[in-house]
C-alpha atoms as a PDB file:
ATOM      1  CA  MET A   1      -0.282   0.004  -0.056  1.00  0.00           C
ATOM      2  CA  VAL A   2       1.083   3.798   0.594  1.00  0.00           C
ATOM      3  CA  ASN A   3       3.521   2.323   3.188  1.00  0.00           C
ATOM      4  CA  ALA A   4       4.723  -0.727   1.622  1.00  0.00           C
ATOM      5  CA  PRO A   5       7.905  -1.278  -0.694  1.00  0.00           C
ATOM      6  CA  PRO A   6       7.479  -0.728  -4.123  1.00  0.00           C
ATOM      7  CA  THR A   7       5.865  -3.319  -5.933  1.00  0.00           C
ATOM      8  CA  THR A   8       4.618  -3.335  -9.771  1.00  0.00           C
ATOM      9  CA  ASP A   9       3.136  -0.123 -10.756  1.00  0.00           C
ATOM     10  CA  ARG A  10      -0.451  -0.125 -12.305  1.00  0.00           C
ATOM     11  CA  ARG A  11       0.362   2.590 -14.130  1.00  0.00           C
ATOM     12  CA  GLU A  12       2.317   0.767 -16.401  1.00  0.00           C
ATOM     13  CA  ARG A  13      -0.594  -1.174 -17.713  1.00  0.00           C
ATOM     14  CA  ILE A  14      -1.697  -0.787 -21.596  1.00  0.00           C
ATOM     15  CA  ARG A  15      -5.055   1.046 -21.573  1.00  0.00           C
ATOM     16  CA  PRO A  16      -7.367   1.728 -24.514  1.00  0.00           C
ATOM     17  CA  ASP A  17      -6.953   5.425 -25.994  1.00  0.00           C
ATOM     18  CA  ALA A  18     -10.102   7.447 -25.105  1.00  0.00           C
ATOM     19  CA  SER A  19     -10.524   8.744 -28.589  1.00  0.00           C
ATOM     20  CA  GLN A  20     -10.152   5.896 -30.751  1.00  0.00           C
ATOM     21  CA  HIS A  21     -12.217   2.763 -31.301  1.00  0.00           C
ATOM     22  CA  ALA A  22     -12.290  -0.354 -33.603  1.00  0.00           C
ATOM     23  CA  LEU A  23     -14.088  -0.322 -37.058  1.00  0.00           C
ATOM     24  CA  GLY A  24     -17.469  -2.216 -36.977  1.00  0.00           C
ATOM     25  CA  GLN A  25     -18.050  -1.520 -33.192  1.00  0.00           C
ATOM     26  CA  THR A  26     -19.881   1.280 -31.506  1.00  0.00           C
ATOM     27  CA  GLN A  27     -17.754   4.498 -30.233  1.00  0.00           C
ATOM     28  CA  LEU A  28     -16.984   4.310 -26.817  1.00  0.00           C
ATOM     29  CA  ASN A  29     -16.581   8.040 -26.569  1.00  0.00           C
ATOM     30  CA  PRO A  30     -18.740  10.530 -28.182  1.00  0.00           C
ATOM     31  CA  PHE A  31     -17.081  13.342 -26.983  1.00  0.00           C
ATOM     32  CA  GLY A  32     -13.817  13.290 -28.819  1.00  0.00           C
ATOM     33  CA  ASP A  33     -11.615  15.660 -26.791  1.00  0.00           C
ATOM     34  CA  LEU A  34     -11.541  15.157 -22.979  1.00  0.00           C
ATOM     35  CA  HIS A  35      -8.820  17.959 -22.260  1.00  0.00           C
ATOM     36  CA  THR A  36     -11.595  19.742 -20.054  1.00  0.00           C
ATOM     37  CA  LEU A  37     -12.202  16.457 -17.994  1.00  0.00           C
ATOM     38  CA  GLN A  38      -8.492  15.905 -17.801  1.00  0.00           C
ATOM     39  CA  HIS A  39      -7.799  19.325 -16.326  1.00  0.00           C
ATOM     40  CA  LEU A  40     -10.885  18.798 -14.025  1.00  0.00           C
ATOM     41  CA  SER A  41      -9.060  15.682 -12.671  1.00  0.00           C
ATOM     42  CA  ALA A  42      -5.893  17.366 -12.133  1.00  0.00           C
ATOM     43  CA  ARG A  43      -7.279  19.924 -10.204  1.00  0.00           C
ATOM     44  CA  LEU A  44      -9.197  17.405  -7.906  1.00  0.00           C
ATOM     45  CA  ALA A  45      -6.317  15.461  -7.319  1.00  0.00           C
ATOM     46  CA  ARG A  46      -4.599  18.404  -5.710  1.00  0.00           C
ATOM     47  CA  ALA A  47      -7.477  18.891  -3.451  1.00  0.00           C
ATOM     48  CA  LEU A  48      -7.440  15.308  -2.727  1.00  0.00           C
ATOM     49  CA  LYS A  49      -4.373  15.632  -0.712  1.00  0.00           C
ATOM     50  CA  GLY A  50      -6.491  17.187   2.134  1.00  0.00           C
ATOM     51  CA  VAL A  51      -8.533  13.882   2.134  1.00  0.00           C
ATOM     52  CA  TRP A  52      -5.671  11.489   2.093  1.00  0.00           C
ATOM     53  CA  GLU A  53      -3.155  13.007   4.470  1.00  0.00           C
ATOM     54  CA  PRO A  54      -5.385  13.467   7.468  1.00  0.00           C
ATOM     55  CA  LEU A  55      -6.530   9.499   7.111  1.00  0.00           C
ATOM     56  CA  LEU A  56      -2.856   8.411   6.448  1.00  0.00           C
ATOM     57  CA  ARG A  57      -1.390  10.636   8.783  1.00  0.00           C
ATOM     58  CA  ARG A  58       1.678  11.489   6.418  1.00  0.00           C
ATOM     59  CA  GLU A  59       2.243  13.831   3.681  1.00  0.00           C
ATOM     60  CA  VAL A  60       1.660  12.217  -0.041  1.00  0.00           C
ATOM     61  CA  ARG A  61       1.952  12.972  -3.426  1.00  0.00           C
ATOM     62  CA  SER A  62      -1.043  13.023  -5.272  1.00  0.00           C
ATOM     63  CA  TRP A  63      -1.879  13.092  -8.912  1.00  0.00           C
ATOM     64  CA  ALA A  64      -4.015  12.299 -12.091  1.00  0.00           C
ATOM     65  CA  GLU A  65      -3.793   9.717 -14.561  1.00  0.00           C
ATOM     66  CA  PRO A  66      -4.465   9.864 -18.136  1.00  0.00           C
ATOM     67  CA  LEU A  67      -7.992   9.208 -18.865  1.00  0.00           C
ATOM     68  CA  ALA A  68      -9.329   5.869 -20.593  1.00  0.00           C
ATOM     69  CA  VAL A  69     -12.917   5.177 -21.906  1.00  0.00           C
ATOM     70  CA  GLN A  70     -13.962   1.387 -21.534  1.00  0.00           C
ATOM     71  CA  ARG A  71     -16.855  -0.546 -21.278  1.00  0.00           C
ATOM     72  CA  PHE A  72     -17.286  -1.384 -17.379  1.00  0.00           C
ATOM     73  CA  ALA A  73     -17.133  -5.324 -18.102  1.00  0.00           C
ATOM     74  CA  ASP A  74     -13.628  -4.925 -19.419  1.00  0.00           C
ATOM     75  CA  TYR A  75     -12.745  -2.735 -16.652  1.00  0.00           C
ATOM     76  CA  ARG A  76     -14.034  -5.099 -14.247  1.00  0.00           C
ATOM     77  CA  ALA A  77     -12.110  -7.941 -15.899  1.00  0.00           C
ATOM     78  CA  GLU A  78      -8.854  -5.987 -15.276  1.00  0.00           C
ATOM     79  CA  ARG A  79      -9.188  -5.832 -11.850  1.00  0.00           C
ATOM     80  CA  SER A  80      -8.104  -8.801  -9.604  1.00  0.00           C
ATOM     81  CA  ASP A  81     -10.697 -10.871  -7.662  1.00  0.00           C
ATOM     82  CA  THR A  82      -9.161  -9.446  -4.383  1.00  0.00           C
ATOM     83  CA  LEU A  83     -11.458  -7.415  -1.951  1.00  0.00           C
ATOM     84  CA  THR A  84     -12.420  -4.297  -3.731  1.00  0.00           C
ATOM     85  CA  ALA A  85     -14.763  -1.280  -2.585  1.00  0.00           C
ATOM     86  CA  TRP A  86     -17.439  -0.164  -5.101  1.00  0.00           C
ATOM     87  CA  LEU A  87     -18.841   2.829  -4.193  1.00  0.00           C
ATOM     88  CA  PRO A  88     -21.822   4.268  -6.183  1.00  0.00           C
ATOM     89  CA  MET A  89     -22.196   8.045  -6.135  1.00  0.00           C
ATOM     90  CA  THR A  90     -25.429   9.403  -7.131  1.00  0.00           C
ATOM     91  CA  ILE A  91     -24.682  12.616  -9.253  1.00  0.00           C
ATOM     92  CA  GLY A  92     -27.656  15.270  -9.087  1.00  0.00           C
ATOM     93  CA  LEU A  93     -28.359  17.076 -12.329  1.00  0.00           C
ATOM     94  CA  ALA A  94     -30.143  20.218 -12.540  1.00  0.00           C
ATOM     95  CA  GLY A  95     -33.658  20.202 -14.310  1.00  0.00           C
ATOM     96  CA  GLY A  96     -32.519  15.973 -15.586  1.00  0.00           C
ATOM     97  CA  GLN A  97     -32.201  12.443 -14.515  1.00  0.00           C
ATOM     98  CA  PRO A  98     -29.671  11.704 -11.926  1.00  0.00           C
ATOM     99  CA  GLY A  99     -26.602   9.805 -12.767  1.00  0.00           C
ATOM    100  CA  THR A 100     -24.327   7.428 -11.099  1.00  0.00           C
ATOM    101  CA  ALA A 101     -20.625   7.730 -10.953  1.00  0.00           C
ATOM    102  CA  LEU A 102     -18.535   4.995  -9.240  1.00  0.00           C
ATOM    103  CA  ILE A 103     -15.724   5.184  -6.722  1.00  0.00           C
ATOM    104  CA  VAL A 104     -13.635   2.303  -6.513  1.00  0.00           C
ATOM    105  CA  LEU A 105     -11.082   1.623  -3.648  1.00  0.00           C
ATOM    106  CA  ASP A 106      -8.790  -1.265  -3.233  1.00  0.00           C
ATOM    107  CA  GLY A 107      -9.509  -3.368  -0.380  1.00  0.00           C
ATOM    108  CA  GLY A 108      -6.086  -3.322   1.095  1.00  0.00           C
ATOM    109  CA  PHE A 109      -6.014   0.138   1.008  1.00  0.00           C
ATOM    110  CA  VAL A 110      -9.598   0.882   3.058  1.00  0.00           C
ATOM    111  CA  LEU A 111      -8.218  -1.711   5.610  1.00  0.00           C
ATOM    112  CA  GLU A 112      -4.814   0.121   5.959  1.00  0.00           C
ATOM    113  CA  MET A 113      -6.910   3.429   6.762  1.00  0.00           C
ATOM    114  CA  LEU A 114      -9.041   1.579   9.073  1.00  0.00           C
ATOM    115  CA  ASP A 115      -5.991   0.411  11.182  1.00  0.00           C
ATOM    116  CA  LEU A 116      -4.568   3.881  11.199  1.00  0.00           C
ATOM    117  CA  PHE A 117      -7.848   5.317  12.152  1.00  0.00           C
ATOM    118  CA  PHE A 118      -7.845   2.878  15.396  1.00  0.00           C
ATOM    119  CA  GLY A 119      -4.044   3.817  15.995  1.00  0.00           C
ATOM    120  CA  GLY A 120      -2.126   1.324  14.294  1.00  0.00           C
ATOM    121  CA  ASN A 121       0.671   1.509  11.745  1.00  0.00           C
ATOM    122  CA  GLY A 122      -1.213   0.796   8.847  1.00  0.00           C
ATOM    123  CA  ALA A 123       0.565  -2.436   8.092  1.00  0.00           C
ATOM    124  CA  ALA A 124      -0.617  -4.376   5.357  1.00  0.00           C
ATOM    125  CA  ILE A 125      -2.809  -7.499   6.469  1.00  0.00           C
ATOM    126  CA  ALA A 126      -1.443 -10.995   5.561  1.00  0.00           C
ATOM    127  CA  HIS A 127      -4.808 -12.550   4.947  1.00  0.00           C
ATOM    128  CA  ARG A 128      -7.147 -10.365   3.737  1.00  0.00           C
ATOM    129  CA  PRO A 129     -11.005 -10.769   4.109  1.00  0.00           C
ATOM    130  CA  THR A 130     -13.481 -11.923   1.754  1.00  0.00           C
ATOM    131  CA  GLU A 131     -16.042  -8.763   2.843  1.00  0.00           C
ATOM    132  CA  PHE A 132     -15.726  -5.717   4.868  1.00  0.00           C
ATOM    133  CA  SER A 133     -16.661  -5.274   8.309  1.00  0.00           C
ATOM    134  CA  PRO A 134     -18.954  -2.842   9.450  1.00  0.00           C
ATOM    135  CA  ALA A 135     -16.265  -0.949  10.856  1.00  0.00           C
ATOM    136  CA  ALA A 136     -14.730  -0.764   7.088  1.00  0.00           C
ATOM    137  CA  ASP A 137     -17.909   0.137   5.788  1.00  0.00           C
ATOM    138  CA  ALA A 138     -18.227   3.157   8.087  1.00  0.00           C
ATOM    139  CA  MET A 139     -14.712   4.350   7.028  1.00  0.00           C
ATOM    140  CA  ILE A 140     -15.819   3.743   3.445  1.00  0.00           C
ATOM    141  CA  ALA A 141     -18.715   6.013   3.917  1.00  0.00           C
ATOM    142  CA  ARG A 142     -16.972   8.766   5.484  1.00  0.00           C
ATOM    143  CA  LEU A 143     -14.400   8.550   2.679  1.00  0.00           C
ATOM    144  CA  GLY A 144     -17.439   8.956   0.219  1.00  0.00           C
ATOM    145  CA  SER A 145     -18.602  11.726   1.688  1.00  0.00           C
ATOM    146  CA  SER A 146     -15.190  13.721   2.066  1.00  0.00           C
ATOM    147  CA  LEU A 147     -14.905  12.803  -1.767  1.00  0.00           C
ATOM    148  CA  ALA A 148     -18.505  13.616  -2.529  1.00  0.00           C
ATOM    149  CA  SER A 149     -17.701  17.294  -1.215  1.00  0.00           C
ATOM    150  CA  GLN A 150     -14.431  17.638  -3.409  1.00  0.00           C
ATOM    151  CA  LEU A 151     -16.168  16.408  -6.601  1.00  0.00           C
ATOM    152  CA  LYS A 152     -18.686  18.859  -6.030  1.00  0.00           C
ATOM    153  CA  ALA A 153     -16.112  21.467  -5.599  1.00  0.00           C
ATOM    154  CA  ALA A 154     -13.972  20.229  -8.717  1.00  0.00           C
ATOM    155  CA  TRP A 155     -17.141  20.443 -11.125  1.00  0.00           C
ATOM    156  CA  GLU A 156     -18.239  23.748 -10.097  1.00  0.00           C
ATOM    157  CA  PRO A 157     -16.771  25.658 -12.659  1.00  0.00           C
ATOM    158  CA  LEU A 158     -18.554  23.220 -15.516  1.00  0.00           C
ATOM    159  CA  ALA A 159     -21.649  22.449 -13.911  1.00  0.00           C
ATOM    160  CA  LYS A 160     -23.666  22.684 -10.653  1.00  0.00           C
ATOM    161  CA  LEU A 161     -23.784  18.999  -9.495  1.00  0.00           C
ATOM    162  CA  GLU A 162     -24.487  17.307  -6.354  1.00  0.00           C
ATOM    163  CA  PHE A 163     -22.831  14.199  -5.375  1.00  0.00           C
ATOM    164  CA  ARG A 164     -24.106  11.768  -2.928  1.00  0.00           C
ATOM    165  CA  PRO A 165     -22.430   8.527  -1.904  1.00  0.00           C
ATOM    166  CA  GLY A 166     -24.401   5.426  -1.711  1.00  0.00           C
ATOM    167  CA  ARG A 167     -24.152   1.866  -0.093  1.00  0.00           C
ATOM    168  CA  VAL A 168     -20.697   0.237  -0.892  1.00  0.00           C
ATOM    169  CA  GLU A 169     -20.657  -3.136  -2.597  1.00  0.00           C
ATOM    170  CA  ASN A 170     -17.923  -5.931  -2.591  1.00  0.00           C
ATOM    171  CA  ASN A 171     -19.169  -7.270  -5.749  1.00  0.00           C
ATOM    172  CA  ALA A 172     -19.143  -5.259  -8.887  1.00  0.00           C
ATOM    173  CA  ALA A 173     -22.164  -7.203 -10.047  1.00  0.00           C
ATOM    174  CA  ALA A 174     -24.345  -5.902  -7.425  1.00  0.00           C
ATOM    175  CA  VAL A 175     -23.739  -2.032  -8.399  1.00  0.00           C
ATOM    176  CA  THR A 176     -26.917  -0.561  -9.674  1.00  0.00           C
ATOM    177  CA  GLY A 177     -26.967   2.266 -12.279  1.00  0.00           C
ATOM    178  CA  ILE A 178     -24.066   0.848 -14.491  1.00  0.00           C
ATOM    179  CA  ASP A 179     -24.307  -2.062 -16.787  1.00  0.00           C
ATOM    180  CA  ALA A 180     -21.642  -4.285 -17.708  1.00  0.00           C
ATOM    181  CA  ASP A 181     -22.002  -3.069 -21.715  1.00  0.00           C
ATOM    182  CA  ASP A 182     -22.078   0.692 -20.535  1.00  0.00           C
ATOM    183  CA  ALA A 183     -19.433   2.850 -21.693  1.00  0.00           C
ATOM    184  CA  ALA A 184     -17.415   4.813 -18.825  1.00  0.00           C
ATOM    185  CA  VAL A 185     -14.836   7.475 -18.533  1.00  0.00           C
ATOM    186  CA  VAL A 186     -12.119   5.935 -16.201  1.00  0.00           C
ATOM    187  CA  THR A 187     -10.280   8.692 -14.135  1.00  0.00           C
ATOM    188  CA  ARG A 188      -7.383   7.466 -12.020  1.00  0.00           C
ATOM    189  CA  PHE A 189      -5.989   9.157  -9.193  1.00  0.00           C
ATOM    190  CA  GLY A 190      -2.632   8.119  -7.718  1.00  0.00           C
ATOM    191  CA  LEU A 191      -0.990   8.787  -4.444  1.00  0.00           C
ATOM    192  CA  ALA A 192       2.160   7.725  -2.688  1.00  0.00           C
ATOM    193  CA  GLY A 193       4.284   8.524   0.503  1.00  0.00           C
ATOM    194  CA  GLY A 194       7.995   8.629   0.640  1.00  0.00           C
ATOM    195  CA  THR A 195       9.283   5.399  -1.240  1.00  0.00           C
ATOM    196  CA  GLY A 196       6.541   3.370  -1.037  1.00  0.00           C
ATOM    197  CA  SER A 197       4.511   1.739  -4.007  1.00  0.00           C
ATOM    198  CA  PRO A 198       1.475   4.156  -4.905  1.00  0.00           C
ATOM    199  CA  VAL A 199      -1.929   3.416  -4.591  1.00  0.00           C
ATOM    200  CA  PHE A 200      -4.520   3.920  -7.178  1.00  0.00           C
ATOM    201  CA  VAL A 201      -8.197   5.311  -6.546  1.00  0.00           C
ATOM    202  CA  ASP A 202     -10.721   5.174  -9.764  1.00  0.00           C
ATOM    203  CA  ILE A 203     -13.661   7.375 -10.187  1.00  0.00           C
ATOM    204  CA  LEU A 204     -15.591   6.105 -13.278  1.00  0.00           C
ATOM    205  CA  TYR A 205     -18.068   8.140 -15.230  1.00  0.00           C
ATOM    206  CA  PRO A 206     -20.883   6.313 -17.281  1.00  0.00           C
ATOM    207  CA  VAL A 207     -20.725   8.092 -20.463  1.00  0.00           C
ATOM    208  CA  SER A 208     -24.485   8.478 -20.213  1.00  0.00           C
ATOM    209  CA  ALA A 209     -24.367  10.573 -17.080  1.00  0.00           C
ATOM    210  CA  LEU A 210     -21.510  13.001 -18.880  1.00  0.00           C
ATOM    211  CA  LYS A 211     -24.135  13.334 -22.098  1.00  0.00           C
ATOM    212  CA  PRO A 212     -25.991  16.287 -20.572  1.00  0.00           C
ATOM    213  CA  HIS A 213     -22.596  18.150 -20.181  1.00  0.00           C
ATOM    214  CA  ALA A 214     -21.110  17.297 -23.712  1.00  0.00           C
ATOM    215  CA  ALA A 215     -21.004  20.877 -24.763  1.00  0.00           C
ATOM    216  CA  THR A 216     -19.105  21.790 -21.740  1.00  0.00           C
ATOM    217  CA  LEU A 217     -16.494  18.849 -21.772  1.00  0.00           C
ATOM    218  CA  THR A 218     -16.000  19.385 -25.610  1.00  0.00           C
ATOM    219  CA  GLY A 219     -15.726  23.071 -25.665  1.00  0.00           C
ATOM    220  CA  LYS A 220     -12.217  24.978 -26.147  1.00  0.00           C
ATOM    221  CA  VAL A 221     -10.566  27.103 -23.369  1.00  0.00           C
ATOM    222  CA  LEU A 222     -10.140  30.267 -25.060  1.00  0.00           C
ATOM    223  CA  ASP A 223      -6.873  32.006 -24.239  1.00  0.00           C
ATOM    224  CA  LYS A 224      -8.439  35.590 -24.806  1.00  0.00           C
ATOM    225  CA  ALA A 225     -11.745  35.712 -23.488  1.00  0.00           C
ATOM    226  CA  GLU A 226     -13.307  38.770 -23.105  1.00  0.00           C
ATOM    227  CA  PRO A 227     -13.963  39.722 -19.332  1.00  0.00           C
ATOM    228  CA  ASP A 228     -17.392  40.838 -17.978  1.00  0.00           C
ATOM    229  CA  PRO A 229     -17.790  44.463 -17.918  1.00  0.00           C
ATOM    230  CA  ALA A 230     -19.187  44.324 -14.296  1.00  0.00           C
ATOM    231  CA  TRP A 231     -16.284  42.484 -13.167  1.00  0.00           C
ATOM    232  CA  ARG A 232     -13.771  44.694 -14.942  1.00  0.00           C
ATOM    233  CA  SER A 233     -15.447  47.860 -13.533  1.00  0.00           C
ATOM    234  CA  GLY A 234     -15.588  46.468  -9.914  1.00  0.00           C
ATOM    235  CA  LEU A 235     -11.919  45.408 -10.274  1.00  0.00           C
ATOM    236  CA  ALA A 236     -10.842  48.715 -11.507  1.00  0.00           C
ATOM    237  CA  ARG A 237     -12.825  50.516  -8.294  1.00  0.00           C
ATOM    238  CA  SER A 238     -11.098  48.261  -5.982  1.00  0.00           C
ATOM    239  CA  VAL A 239      -7.479  49.024  -7.447  1.00  0.00           C
ATOM    240  CA  MET A 240      -8.102  52.705  -7.195  1.00  0.00           C
ATOM    241  CA  ASN A 241      -9.004  51.984  -3.629  1.00  0.00           C
ATOM    242  CA  VAL A 242      -5.517  50.509  -2.841  1.00  0.00           C
ATOM    243  CA  ARG A 243      -3.362  52.875  -0.402  1.00  0.00           C
ATOM    244  CA  PHE A 244       0.210  53.688  -0.996  1.00  0.00           C
ATOM    245  CA  PRO A 245       2.952  55.006   1.140  1.00  0.00           C
ATOM    246  CA  VAL A 246       4.032  58.245  -0.281  1.00  0.00           C
ATOM    247  CA  ARG A 247       7.322  59.886   1.459  1.00  0.00           C
ATOM    248  CA  SER A 248      10.002  62.835   0.889  1.00  0.00           C
ATOM    249  CA  VAL A 249      13.617  63.017   2.110  1.00  0.00           C
ATOM    250  CA  LEU A 250      14.114  66.486   2.760  1.00  0.00           C
ATOM    251  CA  ALA A 251      17.812  66.408   3.776  1.00  0.00           C
ATOM    252  CA  GLU A 252      20.520  63.859   4.680  1.00  0.00           C
ATOM    253  CA  PRO A 253      23.273  65.524   6.664  1.00  0.00           C
ATOM    254  CA  VAL A 254      26.608  63.683   6.881  1.00  0.00           C
ATOM    255  CA  VAL A 255      28.416  64.206  10.157  1.00  0.00           C
ATOM    256  CA  PRO A 256      31.866  62.467  11.421  1.00  0.00           C
ATOM    257  CA  LEU A 257      31.621  59.889  13.870  1.00  0.00           C
ATOM    258  CA  GLN A 258      33.343  61.959  16.439  1.00  0.00           C
ATOM    259  CA  VAL A 259      30.283  64.610  16.620  1.00  0.00           C
ATOM    260  CA  LEU A 260      27.994  61.645  16.088  1.00  0.00           C
ATOM    261  CA  LEU A 261      29.108  60.126  19.434  1.00  0.00           C
ATOM    262  CA  ALA A 262      29.516  63.742  20.984  1.00  0.00           C
ATOM    263  CA  LEU A 263      25.583  64.527  20.274  1.00  0.00           C
ATOM    264  CA  LYS A 264      23.442  65.292  23.083  1.00  0.00           C
ATOM    265  CA  PRO A 265      19.637  67.008  23.533  1.00  0.00           C
ATOM    266  CA  GLY A 266      19.538  70.502  22.524  1.00  0.00           C
ATOM    267  CA  ASP A 267      22.399  70.381  19.827  1.00  0.00           C
ATOM    268  CA  VAL A 268      21.498  71.452  16.256  1.00  0.00           C
ATOM    269  CA  ILE A 269      22.386  69.559  13.300  1.00  0.00           C
ATOM    270  CA  PRO A 270      22.362  72.113  10.094  1.00  0.00           C
ATOM    271  CA  ILE A 271      20.602  70.874   7.074  1.00  0.00           C
ATOM    272  CA  THR A 272      20.472  72.120   3.478  1.00  0.00           C
ATOM    273  CA  VAL A 273      17.164  71.396   1.799  1.00  0.00           C
ATOM    274  CA  ALA A 274      17.453  71.267  -2.026  1.00  0.00           C
ATOM    275  CA  ALA A 275      15.469  73.339  -4.500  1.00  0.00           C
ATOM    276  CA  ALA A 276      14.027  70.015  -5.551  1.00  0.00           C
ATOM    277  CA  VAL A 277      13.578  67.327  -3.095  1.00  0.00           C
ATOM    278  CA  PRO A 278      12.652  63.512  -4.510  1.00  0.00           C
ATOM    279  CA  VAL A 279       8.845  62.262  -3.856  1.00  0.00           C
ATOM    280  CA  MET A 280       8.894  58.480  -3.428  1.00  0.00           C
ATOM    281  CA  VAL A 281       6.109  55.689  -3.721  1.00  0.00           C
ATOM    282  CA  GLY A 282       7.668  52.840  -1.842  1.00  0.00           C
ATOM    283  CA  ARG A 283      11.001  52.240  -3.273  1.00  0.00           C
ATOM    284  CA  ASP A 284      10.023  54.004  -6.414  1.00  0.00           C
ATOM    285  CA  ARG A 285      10.695  57.621  -7.579  1.00  0.00           C
ATOM    286  CA  LEU A 286       7.520  59.449  -8.371  1.00  0.00           C
ATOM    287  CA  GLY A 287       8.855  62.581  -9.074  1.00  0.00           C
ATOM    288  CA  ALA A 288      10.443  65.877  -7.472  1.00  0.00           C
ATOM    289  CA  GLY A 289       9.181  68.872  -5.866  1.00  0.00           C
ATOM    290  CA  THR A 290       9.633  72.086  -3.750  1.00  0.00           C
ATOM    291  CA  VAL A 291       9.224  72.511  -0.044  1.00  0.00           C
ATOM    292  CA  GLY A 292       6.446  74.744   1.326  1.00  0.00           C
ATOM    293  CA  THR A 293       3.308  75.132   3.181  1.00  0.00           C
ATOM    294  CA  SER A 294      -0.247  74.339   2.182  1.00  0.00           C
ATOM    295  CA  ASN A 295      -3.497  75.253   4.487  1.00  0.00           C
ATOM    296  CA  GLY A 296      -1.046  75.655   7.786  1.00  0.00           C
ATOM    297  CA  ARG A 297       0.856  72.307   7.114  1.00  0.00           C
ATOM    298  CA  ALA A 298       4.087  71.212   5.674  1.00  0.00           C
ATOM    299  CA  ALA A 299       3.634  70.420   1.849  1.00  0.00           C
ATOM    300  CA  ILE A 300       5.425  69.594  -1.167  1.00  0.00           C
ATOM    301  CA  GLN A 301       4.429  70.921  -4.619  1.00  0.00           C
ATOM    302  CA  LEU A 302       5.237  68.547  -7.578  1.00  0.00           C
ATOM    303  CA  THR A 303       7.535  69.996 -10.061  1.00  0.00           C
ATOM    304  CA  SER A 304       8.301  67.131 -12.208  1.00  0.00           C
ATOM    305  CA  LEU A 305       6.984  63.402 -12.356  1.00  0.00           C
ATOM    306  CA  HIS A 306       8.538  60.105 -13.434  1.00  0.00           C
ATOM    307  CA  ARG A 307       6.928  57.147 -14.850  1.00  0.00           C
ATOM    308  CA  ILE A 308       7.206  54.104 -12.413  1.00  0.00           C
ATOM    309  CA  GLU A 309       8.378  50.974 -14.401  1.00  0.00           C
ATOM    310  CA  GLY A 310       5.097  48.736 -15.387  1.00  0.00           C
ATOM    311  CA  ILE A 311       2.253  51.406 -14.192  1.00  0.00           C
ATOM    312  CA  HIS A 312       1.169  53.172 -17.266  1.00  0.00           C
ATOM    313  CA  PRO A 313      -1.297  56.455 -16.944  1.00  0.00           C
END
């Protein structure tokens, strides 16, 4: 698992290309370019660090693997017969039929987190059980709630979706909402700590559940989008209210160390004020001016202005 010695890395397995299909077969991926979903998965992977690290009690690396589109039956055939958690995740669609996503967790990883939760060291179990205990089911339910909130946040820029975990199953055949012949987009997330072997968590989106969002998933990201006028106006008003310190140095007299050490209260240090004194904004020179008074207070009348690098009127 995450703290186990390195073994075969499941990232090396050959996975079908998400954009290709064999002649004479139904196309698995009707969306074509899935770069938008890949970017979403990359952002979700970074957010999931906040889910894994408290449970594993150590810092981990989290990343998103390249997407794949597979039939659910083919995906099930790739997995071993060892204990696996199949957690359905209902996707609430605004104004439409709810869909179903599926979170797939390796059973050994679940048992490791359970052992850590109860104060153990997360050591791998020599003889893995054939089904989860009630405590393990509760751990999966807790993890499902955390993943649901992160999924909602990750999808929010694309669609307002609600994710709600269902009842975990030990057998993939018992999962409802996705049939063996259904095509699904497989998003795989890896996590690893230190030099340990990585663990992979899969989130499957049936193609039928993503079809309502096809336009968003296949849309191109524009490099130069026109900003919203109201947003730009509000930003300009906020920027104009930023306050900067303005200062001026009237004189910088130089005295010998002997005089400096002999100074006492009441002594006078003569200064000469130049005809034009510098006016500074932070460490940048704003301009120059002459010293005088205004409304009974000392003031500087600007006689010249200098352009600050990077700021244009």
